[in-house]
């Protein structure tokens, strides 16, 4: 049964992206509705931004409408019931200087420039890797929250008859995540998805313990998600070779057999060992970095994350996060990187106070701040801080301060991690875990957020504006002519 609000949002979006015939694909991630469009020019970008449910628009390889966590999944389902996949969109035109609409248009132009800069082969590859892991995020979040709840019950000694069941529910997906990575990898790179999953499943099969490579027995799961990704890629290339050289009459028999056999042998007798070493190095490297240079590492990671997002390079971190979760049960990097959002929120609050005579900009900030507290930063980034220039830098300073706070405690022996990737801001609290339990992790993360808010606010308030910018921000737009004046002007023409 469709929910009226979500159905209404989907119905409102559809004509503004060019209708059902303009949409090639419909998907979503944590916060964004991702549309593949046939004709970008058919999108009414200005009307889209004006919809109350729309928190922002991001143009990348797909047209992305920011709706926020929870809402996006429901609206995606409603949109699919209204149409077959398809659709793109365009940025609005600037209006009066330093109005909310003009700043949004500047942000749209910056996004377009970023998209043009992100067409390099390396960044395209990173986007494809992100496409492999993003569909797994809902399961990671669900299982991560259940794992945290189970840990809390175990520590308290409550419901001992239920905790084994919760442990099984939380761990089942992670035990087989390699299969899902293999399936998505083959699908993304043009192979048969089930063959990619079949080869990747070798990695988690218990029987690999009977196989010796380089004088050592293999361990089930050795190589993890990186091994699964590599195994599926090998399967894709073997399958392509078979499609070109195997006679059509026996293709249905030989191609899947040769694909699984060849890629499987390479996985067992080389890839699992190499990927295992790389995965172990990632885990050791992350722990060493925070144990020995925690405050500095946190400052750098928290301060540079917003620029990494702008360049699309943050996508390279997705398999690293997943590897750490697979190895340790949580990623120690995500809570530090989430501090970038705290700096952004503090920055926006300062802009709100400094632009006290700019009603349109203050209205934009007021509507976007709740999403910013929940870790959805696009509306504030592209609608406020980035177009203004200096506030984007001061937001990064706030993120650096929050990251240094969390990193310092890691250096002192208390690690803060997330059992899943995807959420940030306040939405990350249910997923927090660490080497001293969730209580300590929550307290340190909250302290980091408070630091990021405070430093982002203070630096933006004090250094975020030149005198000229502040004057332009607070100059009211020219009044519209009164009806009588307008009539007189028409008569004089």
Protein backbone atom coordinates (compact mmCIF):
# COMPACT_ATOMS: atom_id res chain seq x y z
CA UNK A 1 0.00 0.00 0.00
CA UNK A 2 1.68 3.27 -1.10
CA UNK A 3 2.22 5.93 1.54
CA UNK A 4 0.47 9.13 0.39
CA UNK A 5 3.37 11.47 1.18
CA UNK A 6 6.00 9.39 -0.60
CA UNK A 7 3.68 8.72 -3.53
CA UNK A 8 3.03 12.45 -3.83
CA UNK A 9 6.77 13.21 -3.81
CA UNK A 10 7.39 10.64 -6.57
CA UNK A 11 4.45 11.99 -8.60
CA UNK A 12 5.82 15.54 -8.23
CA UNK A 13 9.34 14.51 -9.25
CA UNK A 14 8.37 12.55 -12.35
CA UNK A 15 7.27 15.39 -14.68
CA UNK A 16 10.17 17.58 -13.52
CA UNK A 17 12.76 15.04 -14.73
CA UNK A 18 11.16 14.80 -18.16
CA UNK A 19 8.55 12.13 -17.50
CA UNK A 20 8.72 8.36 -17.60
CA UNK A 21 10.09 8.27 -21.13
CA UNK A 22 13.17 10.23 -20.12
CA UNK A 23 14.28 7.78 -17.43
CA UNK A 24 16.72 4.94 -18.20
CA UNK A 25 17.40 3.72 -14.67
CA UNK A 26 16.25 4.28 -11.10
CA UNK A 27 18.36 3.48 -8.05
CA UNK A 28 19.15 4.97 -4.67
CA UNK A 29 21.90 5.07 -2.05
CA UNK A 30 21.68 6.23 1.57
CA UNK A 31 20.36 9.72 0.81
CA UNK A 32 20.07 10.19 -2.96
CA UNK A 33 17.67 9.10 -5.67
CA UNK A 34 19.92 8.28 -8.66
CA UNK A 35 18.36 8.62 -12.10
CA UNK A 36 19.90 7.68 -15.43
CA UNK A 37 18.47 10.16 -17.94
CA UNK A 38 18.13 10.16 -21.71
CA UNK A 39 17.95 13.92 -22.21
CA UNK A 40 19.39 16.15 -19.49
CA UNK A 41 17.79 19.24 -21.02
CA UNK A 42 14.28 18.01 -20.20
CA UNK A 43 14.84 18.41 -16.46
CA UNK A 44 13.40 21.45 -14.70
CA UNK A 45 16.17 21.85 -12.17
CA UNK A 46 14.82 25.05 -10.62
CA UNK A 47 11.40 23.53 -9.98
CA UNK A 48 13.01 20.40 -8.53
CA UNK A 49 14.99 22.42 -6.02
CA UNK A 50 11.83 24.26 -5.02
CA UNK A 51 10.08 21.05 -3.93
CA UNK A 52 9.98 20.91 -0.09
CA UNK A 53 11.12 17.27 -0.04
CA UNK A 54 14.22 17.93 -2.17
CA UNK A 55 17.31 18.75 -0.10
CA UNK A 56 19.59 19.27 -3.07
CA UNK A 57 20.62 18.09 -6.53
CA UNK A 58 23.97 16.54 -7.50
CA UNK A 59 24.98 15.88 -11.10
CA UNK A 60 27.45 13.05 -11.65
CA UNK A 61 27.35 10.01 -13.93
CA UNK A 62 23.70 9.86 -12.82
CA UNK A 63 21.33 12.68 -11.90
CA UNK A 64 21.07 12.58 -8.11
CA UNK A 65 18.23 14.10 -6.09
CA UNK A 66 18.99 14.36 -2.36
CA UNK A 67 15.93 13.29 -0.36
CA UNK A 68 17.53 12.16 2.90
CA UNK A 69 17.77 8.79 4.70
CA UNK A 70 14.58 6.76 4.92
CA UNK A 71 12.61 8.95 2.54
CA UNK A 72 14.79 8.11 -0.46
CA UNK A 73 14.13 4.35 -0.33
CA UNK A 74 10.37 4.83 -0.10
CA UNK A 75 10.21 7.45 -2.85
CA UNK A 76 12.35 5.23 -5.09
CA UNK A 77 9.85 2.42 -4.69
CA UNK A 78 6.94 4.74 -5.47
CA UNK A 79 8.73 6.13 -8.53
CA UNK A 80 9.32 2.62 -9.83
CA UNK A 81 5.61 1.91 -9.59
CA UNK A 82 4.87 5.02 -11.63
CA UNK A 83 7.28 4.37 -14.48
CA UNK A 84 9.91 2.19 -16.11
CA UNK A 85 13.54 3.26 -15.44
CA UNK A 86 14.86 6.40 -17.25
CA UNK A 87 16.03 10.29 -16.80
CA UNK A 88 18.69 13.73 -16.17
CA UNK A 89 18.34 17.51 -14.99
CA UNK A 90 19.87 21.11 -15.35
CA UNK A 91 21.03 23.79 -12.98
CA UNK A 92 19.06 26.98 -12.53
CA UNK A 93 20.17 30.43 -13.62
CA UNK A 94 21.63 32.94 -11.18
CA UNK A 95 19.38 35.71 -9.94
CA UNK A 96 20.27 38.46 -7.48
CA UNK A 97 23.83 38.33 -6.05
CA UNK A 98 24.11 36.36 -2.82
CA UNK A 99 20.51 35.23 -2.71
CA UNK A 100 19.88 31.58 -1.95
CA UNK A 101 18.95 30.96 -5.60
CA UNK A 102 22.17 32.55 -6.87
CA UNK A 103 24.31 30.58 -4.44
CA UNK A 104 22.52 27.37 -5.44
CA UNK A 105 23.23 28.15 -9.08
CA UNK A 106 26.91 28.72 -8.28
CA UNK A 107 26.95 25.38 -6.50
CA UNK A 108 25.35 23.73 -9.54
CA UNK A 109 28.04 25.22 -11.80
CA UNK A 110 30.74 23.94 -9.47
CA UNK A 111 29.20 20.48 -9.55
CA UNK A 112 29.15 20.58 -13.34
CA UNK A 113 32.82 21.60 -13.36
CA UNK A 114 33.62 18.81 -10.91
CA UNK A 115 31.83 16.32 -13.13
CA UNK A 116 33.88 17.46 -16.13
CA UNK A 117 37.08 17.09 -14.09
CA UNK A 118 36.02 13.63 -12.91
CA UNK A 119 36.00 12.07 -16.35
CA UNK A 120 39.55 10.71 -15.99
CA UNK A 121 39.89 6.90 -16.26
CA UNK A 122 41.05 6.63 -12.63
CA UNK A 123 38.02 8.50 -11.27
CA UNK A 124 35.69 6.58 -13.56
CA UNK A 125 37.13 3.38 -12.10
CA UNK A 126 36.53 4.66 -8.57
CA UNK A 127 32.90 5.37 -9.43
CA UNK A 128 32.52 1.82 -10.74
CA UNK A 129 34.01 0.44 -7.53
CA UNK A 130 31.53 2.56 -5.58
CA UNK A 131 28.72 1.08 -7.68
CA UNK A 132 29.80 -2.37 -6.46
CA UNK A 133 29.65 -1.52 -2.76
CA UNK A 134 26.85 1.08 -2.49
CA UNK A 135 24.06 -1.52 -3.00
CA UNK A 136 25.47 -3.43 0.00
CA UNK A 137 25.17 -0.49 2.40
CA UNK A 138 21.58 -1.18 3.60
CA UNK A 139 22.53 -4.72 4.66
CA UNK A 140 25.71 -3.44 6.32
CA UNK A 141 23.71 -0.90 8.29
CA UNK A 142 21.01 -3.36 9.35
CA UNK A 143 23.48 -6.04 10.39
CA UNK A 144 25.72 -3.44 12.06
CA UNK A 145 22.93 -2.12 14.26
CA UNK A 146 21.90 -5.67 15.21
CA UNK A 147 25.53 -6.49 16.04
CA UNK A 148 25.73 -3.41 18.28
CA UNK A 149 22.49 -4.31 20.03
CA UNK A 150 23.72 -7.85 20.56
CA UNK A 151 27.01 -6.62 22.01
CA UNK A 152 25.14 -4.38 24.42
CA UNK A 153 22.91 -7.26 25.58
CA UNK A 154 25.92 -9.55 26.03
CA UNK A 155 27.77 -6.93 28.10
CA UNK A 156 24.72 -6.42 30.30
CA UNK A 157 24.06 -10.14 30.63
CA UNK A 158 20.51 -9.72 29.38
CA UNK A 159 18.49 -12.21 27.27
CA UNK A 160 21.19 -14.93 27.05
CA UNK A 161 18.79 -17.14 25.10
CA UNK A 162 18.32 -14.50 22.40
CA UNK A 163 21.86 -13.19 21.88
CA UNK A 164 23.09 -16.26 19.91
CA UNK A 165 20.25 -15.72 17.43
CA UNK A 166 21.10 -12.02 17.12
CA UNK A 167 24.76 -12.91 16.57
CA UNK A 168 23.78 -15.29 13.75
CA UNK A 169 21.54 -12.67 12.12
CA UNK A 170 24.22 -9.99 12.35
CA UNK A 171 27.08 -12.21 11.16
CA UNK A 172 25.44 -14.14 8.32
CA UNK A 173 25.73 -11.36 5.76
CA UNK A 174 29.32 -10.52 6.68
CA UNK A 175 30.27 -14.20 6.39
CA UNK A 176 29.07 -14.21 2.78
CA UNK A 177 29.75 -10.62 1.76
CA UNK A 178 32.42 -11.82 -0.68
CA UNK A 179 29.70 -13.53 -2.73
CA UNK A 180 27.68 -10.30 -3.03
CA UNK A 181 30.81 -8.32 -3.95
CA UNK A 182 31.64 -10.86 -6.64
CA UNK A 183 28.11 -10.76 -8.03
CA UNK A 184 28.03 -6.94 -8.16
CA UNK A 185 31.54 -6.75 -9.64
CA UNK A 186 30.67 -9.02 -12.56
CA UNK A 187 27.45 -7.10 -13.11
CA UNK A 188 29.25 -3.74 -13.09
CA UNK A 189 32.02 -4.81 -15.48
CA UNK A 190 29.83 -6.58 -18.01
CA UNK A 191 30.13 -10.24 -17.01
CA UNK A 192 27.50 -12.75 -15.92
CA UNK A 193 26.76 -11.77 -12.28
CA UNK A 194 26.18 -15.30 -10.98
CA UNK A 195 29.55 -16.44 -12.36
CA UNK A 196 31.27 -13.59 -10.51
CA UNK A 197 29.46 -14.66 -7.33
CA UNK A 198 30.37 -18.31 -7.92
CA UNK A 199 34.09 -17.58 -8.21
CA UNK A 200 34.05 -15.20 -5.22
CA UNK A 201 32.30 -17.82 -3.10
CA UNK A 202 35.46 -19.93 -3.27
CA UNK A 203 37.09 -17.43 -0.90
CA UNK A 204 34.64 -18.12 1.93
CA UNK A 205 34.33 -21.89 1.38
CA UNK A 206 35.54 -23.77 4.47
CA UNK A 207 37.25 -26.41 2.32
CA UNK A 208 39.99 -24.02 1.18
CA UNK A 209 41.70 -24.78 4.51
CA UNK A 210 42.85 -28.09 2.94
CA UNK A 211 44.77 -26.25 0.18
CA UNK A 212 48.39 -25.24 0.71
CA UNK A 213 49.87 -22.26 -1.15
CA UNK A 214 53.46 -21.05 -0.72
CA UNK A 215 53.90 -23.58 2.07
CA UNK A 216 50.93 -22.33 4.10
CA UNK A 217 47.32 -23.54 4.24
CA UNK A 218 44.72 -21.09 3.03
CA UNK A 219 42.23 -19.71 5.52
CA UNK A 220 38.52 -19.37 4.68
CA UNK A 221 37.83 -15.71 3.94
CA UNK A 222 41.49 -14.93 3.22
CA UNK A 223 41.62 -11.87 0.98
CA UNK A 224 38.12 -10.76 1.97
CA UNK A 225 36.22 -8.31 -0.20
CA UNK A 226 39.36 -7.27 -2.10
CA UNK A 227 39.97 -10.88 -3.09
CA UNK A 228 36.31 -11.25 -4.08
CA UNK A 229 36.51 -8.14 -6.25
CA UNK A 230 39.68 -9.39 -7.94
CA UNK A 231 38.31 -12.91 -8.43
CA UNK A 232 35.16 -11.61 -10.10
CA UNK A 233 37.18 -9.31 -12.37
CA UNK A 234 39.27 -12.29 -13.48
CA UNK A 235 36.05 -14.21 -14.15
CA UNK A 236 34.74 -11.32 -16.29
CA UNK A 237 37.85 -11.29 -18.49
CA UNK A 238 37.93 -15.09 -18.83
CA UNK A 239 34.24 -15.07 -19.77
CA UNK A 240 34.84 -12.39 -22.43
CA UNK A 241 37.64 -14.44 -23.93
CA UNK A 242 35.42 -17.52 -24.01
CA UNK A 243 32.57 -15.62 -25.67
CA UNK A 244 34.94 -14.65 -28.49
CA UNK A 245 36.63 -18.02 -29.01
CA UNK A 246 34.27 -20.81 -27.91
CA UNK A 247 31.97 -22.11 -30.71
CA UNK A 248 28.36 -21.07 -30.24
CA UNK A 249 27.16 -24.67 -30.28
CA UNK A 250 28.99 -25.46 -27.03
CA UNK A 251 29.11 -21.96 -25.53
CA UNK A 252 26.40 -22.70 -22.96
CA UNK A 253 28.46 -25.62 -21.60
CA UNK A 254 32.07 -24.54 -21.99
CA UNK A 255 31.98 -20.82 -21.19
CA UNK A 256 30.66 -21.05 -17.61
CA UNK A 257 32.81 -24.11 -16.94
CA UNK A 258 36.04 -22.54 -18.21
CA UNK A 259 35.21 -19.23 -16.48
CA UNK A 260 34.68 -20.75 -13.05
CA UNK A 261 37.55 -23.25 -13.40
CA UNK A 262 40.18 -20.82 -14.69
CA UNK A 263 39.26 -17.92 -12.44
CA UNK A 264 38.87 -20.31 -9.49
CA UNK A 265 42.35 -21.79 -9.88
CA UNK A 266 43.91 -18.32 -10.20
CA UNK A 267 42.00 -17.24 -7.09
CA UNK A 268 43.13 -20.23 -5.05
CA UNK A 269 46.75 -20.39 -6.13
CA UNK A 270 47.63 -16.71 -6.17
CA UNK A 271 44.93 -14.14 -5.63
CA UNK A 272 43.80 -15.21 -2.15
CA UNK A 273 47.36 -15.03 -0.85
CA UNK A 274 48.07 -11.61 -2.41
CA UNK A 275 44.70 -10.12 -1.44
CA UNK A 276 45.13 -11.51 2.08
CA UNK A 277 48.45 -9.72 2.44
CA UNK A 278 46.97 -6.46 1.12
CA UNK A 279 43.94 -6.71 3.43
CA UNK A 280 46.17 -7.40 6.44
CA UNK A 281 48.34 -4.41 5.50
CA UNK A 282 45.26 -2.16 5.36
CA UNK A 283 44.19 -3.25 8.84
CA UNK A 284 47.67 -2.93 10.33
CA UNK A 285 48.24 0.40 8.55
CA UNK A 286 45.01 1.98 9.81
CA UNK A 287 45.67 0.85 13.38
CA UNK A 288 49.31 1.97 13.30
CA UNK A 289 48.35 5.35 11.89
CA UNK A 290 45.84 6.06 14.65
CA UNK A 291 47.91 4.48 17.42
CA UNK A 292 51.02 6.53 16.66
CA UNK A 293 49.82 9.70 14.92
CA UNK A 294 46.17 9.77 15.98
CA UNK A 295 45.63 13.49 16.50
CA UNK A 296 47.56 14.49 13.37
CA UNK A 297 46.02 11.73 11.27
CA UNK A 298 42.55 12.74 12.46
CA UNK A 299 43.25 16.39 11.67
CA UNK A 300 44.34 15.56 8.10
CA UNK A 301 41.55 13.06 7.41
CA UNK A 302 38.80 15.22 8.92
CA UNK A 303 40.08 18.35 7.22
CA UNK A 304 40.51 16.90 3.73
CA UNK A 305 37.38 14.77 3.50
CA UNK A 306 35.13 17.49 2.03
CA UNK A 307 37.65 18.22 -0.78
CA UNK A 308 37.97 14.45 -1.37
CA UNK A 309 34.19 14.29 -1.78
CA UNK A 310 34.34 17.20 -4.22
CA UNK A 311 36.94 15.36 -6.31
CA UNK A 312 35.16 12.01 -6.10
CA UNK A 313 38.22 10.41 -4.49
CA UNK A 314 36.33 9.41 -1.32
CA UNK A 315 34.98 6.44 -3.29
CA UNK A 316 38.40 4.80 -3.00
CA UNK A 317 37.77 4.48 0.75
CA UNK A 318 34.67 2.27 0.40
CA UNK A 319 36.54 -1.05 -0.02
CA UNK A 320 38.94 0.02 2.75
CA UNK A 321 36.04 0.62 5.14
CA UNK A 322 34.50 -2.71 4.17
CA UNK A 323 37.81 -4.52 4.66
CA UNK A 324 38.22 -3.04 8.16
CA UNK A 325 34.65 -3.99 9.10
CA UNK A 326 35.27 -7.52 7.84
CA UNK A 327 38.53 -7.82 9.80
CA UNK A 328 37.83 -5.96 13.05
CA UNK A 329 34.06 -5.63 13.19
CA UNK A 330 34.19 -1.84 12.65
CA UNK A 331 35.99 0.81 10.60
CA UNK A 332 38.02 3.29 12.63
CA UNK A 333 38.18 5.72 9.72
CA UNK A 334 34.51 6.59 9.25
CA UNK A 335 33.91 8.36 12.61
CA UNK A 336 36.91 10.60 11.89
CA UNK A 337 35.78 11.36 8.34
CA UNK A 338 32.27 12.10 9.63
CA UNK A 339 33.71 15.11 11.46
CA UNK A 340 33.80 16.93 8.11
CA UNK A 341 30.02 17.10 8.30
CA UNK A 342 30.21 18.59 11.80
CA UNK A 343 32.45 21.38 10.55
CA UNK A 344 29.96 21.99 7.76
CA UNK A 345 27.05 22.30 10.21
CA UNK A 346 28.97 24.75 12.43
CA UNK A 347 29.91 26.76 9.37
CA UNK A 348 26.29 26.97 8.21
CA UNK A 349 25.14 28.16 11.63
CA UNK A 350 27.70 30.98 11.49
CA UNK A 351 26.58 31.99 7.99
CA UNK A 352 23.00 32.06 9.28
CA UNK A 353 23.92 34.55 12.00
CA UNK A 354 26.19 36.70 9.84
CA UNK A 355 23.66 36.92 6.97
CA UNK A 356 21.00 38.32 9.29
CA UNK A 357 19.37 40.45 6.57
CA UNK A 358 19.39 37.79 3.84
CA UNK A 359 16.03 36.06 4.30
CA UNK A 360 16.33 33.67 1.35
CA UNK A 361 19.77 32.35 2.37
CA UNK A 362 18.70 31.99 6.01
CA UNK A 363 15.62 30.05 4.88
CA UNK A 364 17.83 27.69 2.86
CA UNK A 365 20.13 27.08 5.83
CA UNK A 366 17.21 26.60 8.21
CA UNK A 367 15.68 23.92 5.99
CA UNK A 368 19.00 22.17 5.30
CA UNK A 369 20.45 22.12 8.84
CA UNK A 370 18.30 19.21 10.15
CA UNK A 371 19.58 17.04 7.30
CA UNK A 372 23.11 18.28 8.02
CA UNK A 373 22.87 17.10 11.63
CA UNK A 374 21.94 13.66 10.25
CA UNK A 375 24.98 13.61 7.98
CA UNK A 376 23.39 14.77 4.70
CA UNK A 377 25.73 17.59 3.77
CA UNK A 378 25.06 18.22 0.08
CA UNK A 379 22.45 20.98 0.53
CA UNK A 380 24.78 22.95 2.80
CA UNK A 381 27.89 22.30 0.69
CA UNK A 382 26.44 23.17 -2.71
CA UNK A 383 23.88 25.69 -1.56
CA UNK A 384 25.89 27.63 1.02
CA UNK A 385 29.56 27.07 1.86
CA UNK A 386 31.14 26.14 -1.47
CA UNK A 387 29.59 28.98 -3.51
CA UNK A 388 30.62 31.47 -0.82
CA UNK A 389 34.24 30.27 -0.93
CA UNK A 390 35.83 31.04 2.42
CA UNK A 391 33.14 29.25 4.48
CA UNK A 392 34.01 26.02 2.68
CA UNK A 393 37.59 26.36 3.95
CA UNK A 394 36.47 27.17 7.50
CA UNK A 395 34.09 24.17 7.40
CA UNK A 396 37.15 22.03 6.59
CA UNK A 397 38.93 23.57 9.59
CA UNK A 398 36.03 22.49 11.80
CA UNK A 399 36.21 18.97 10.37
CA UNK A 400 39.96 18.89 11.03
CA UNK A 401 39.42 19.88 14.68
CA UNK A 402 36.77 17.20 15.21
CA UNK A 403 38.95 14.60 13.49
CA UNK A 404 41.92 15.53 15.68
CA UNK A 405 39.74 15.13 18.80
CA UNK A 406 38.67 11.58 17.86
CA UNK A 407 42.17 10.69 16.64
CA UNK A 408 43.73 11.85 19.92
CA UNK A 409 41.65 9.37 21.92
CA UNK A 410 42.64 6.60 19.52
CA UNK A 411 46.25 7.55 20.16
CA UNK A 412 45.54 7.31 23.91
CA UNK A 413 44.16 3.79 23.49
CA UNK A 414 40.40 4.20 22.98
CA UNK A 415 39.33 3.48 19.43
CA UNK A 416 36.04 4.65 17.93
CA UNK A 417 34.65 2.71 15.00
CA UNK A 418 31.51 2.19 12.96
CA UNK A 419 30.07 -1.26 12.31
CA UNK A 420 28.74 -0.13 8.90
CA UNK A 421 29.34 2.52 6.26
CA UNK A 422 26.83 5.01 4.91
CA UNK A 423 25.45 7.21 7.72
CA UNK A 424 27.31 10.00 9.47
CA UNK A 425 26.38 12.83 11.83
CA UNK A 426 23.85 11.84 14.47
CA UNK A 427 22.73 8.90 12.31
CA UNK A 428 26.04 7.17 13.08
CA UNK A 429 25.37 6.85 16.83
CA UNK A 430 23.54 3.46 16.62
CA UNK A 431 26.48 1.99 14.67
CA UNK A 432 29.31 3.06 16.98
CA UNK A 433 31.60 0.47 18.53
CA UNK A 434 35.16 0.42 19.83
CA UNK A 435 37.77 -1.50 21.75
CA UNK A 436 36.26 -0.25 25.05
CA UNK A 437 32.64 -0.84 24.10
CA UNK A 438 29.91 1.36 22.60
CA UNK A 439 29.61 3.68 25.64
CA UNK A 440 33.13 5.07 25.31
CA UNK A 441 32.79 5.22 21.52
CA UNK A 442 29.57 7.24 21.76
CA UNK A 443 31.06 9.69 24.28
CA UNK A 444 34.19 10.35 22.20
CA UNK A 445 32.25 10.64 18.95
CA UNK A 446 29.83 13.12 20.57
CA UNK A 447 32.82 15.13 21.81
CA UNK A 448 34.25 15.15 18.28
CA UNK A 449 30.95 16.38 16.84
CA UNK A 450 30.76 19.16 19.44
CA UNK A 451 34.34 20.17 18.62
CA UNK A 452 33.64 20.20 14.89
CA UNK A 453 30.48 22.27 15.39
CA UNK A 454 32.24 24.78 17.64
CA UNK A 455 35.40 25.24 15.57
CA UNK A 456 33.48 25.32 12.28
CA UNK A 457 31.19 28.00 13.74
CA UNK A 458 33.96 30.10 15.34
CA UNK A 459 36.32 30.12 12.35
CA UNK A 460 33.50 30.89 9.91
CA UNK A 461 32.09 33.66 12.10
CA UNK A 462 35.52 35.26 12.55
CA UNK A 463 37.27 34.59 9.22
CA UNK A 464 34.64 33.38 6.77
CA UNK A 465 33.79 36.69 5.10
CA UNK A 466 35.49 39.71 3.64
CA UNK A 467 33.87 43.05 4.40
CA UNK A 468 32.60 43.25 0.81
CA UNK A 469 31.09 39.74 0.91
CA UNK A 470 29.34 40.46 4.18
CA UNK A 471 27.89 43.68 2.78
CA UNK A 472 26.65 41.87 -0.34
CA UNK A 473 25.15 39.09 1.75
CA UNK A 474 23.14 41.57 3.79
CA UNK A 475 22.03 43.83 0.95
CA UNK A 476 18.32 43.22 0.39
CA UNK A 477 17.21 42.54 -3.22
CA UNK A 478 15.62 45.48 -5.03
CA UNK A 479 11.89 45.74 -4.29
CA UNK A 480 9.41 44.68 -6.95
CA UNK A 481 7.58 47.67 -8.48
CA UNK A 482 4.12 48.35 -7.12
CA UNK A 483 1.28 47.39 -9.46
CA UNK A 484 0.50 51.06 -10.24
CA UNK A 485 4.18 51.79 -11.02
CA UNK A 486 4.40 48.75 -13.22
CA UNK A 487 1.29 49.82 -15.16
CA UNK A 488 2.71 53.34 -15.58
CA UNK A 489 6.02 51.91 -16.84
CA UNK A 490 4.19 49.80 -19.46
CA UNK A 491 2.20 52.86 -20.56
CA UNK A 492 5.40 54.86 -21.08
CA UNK A 493 6.97 52.20 -23.30
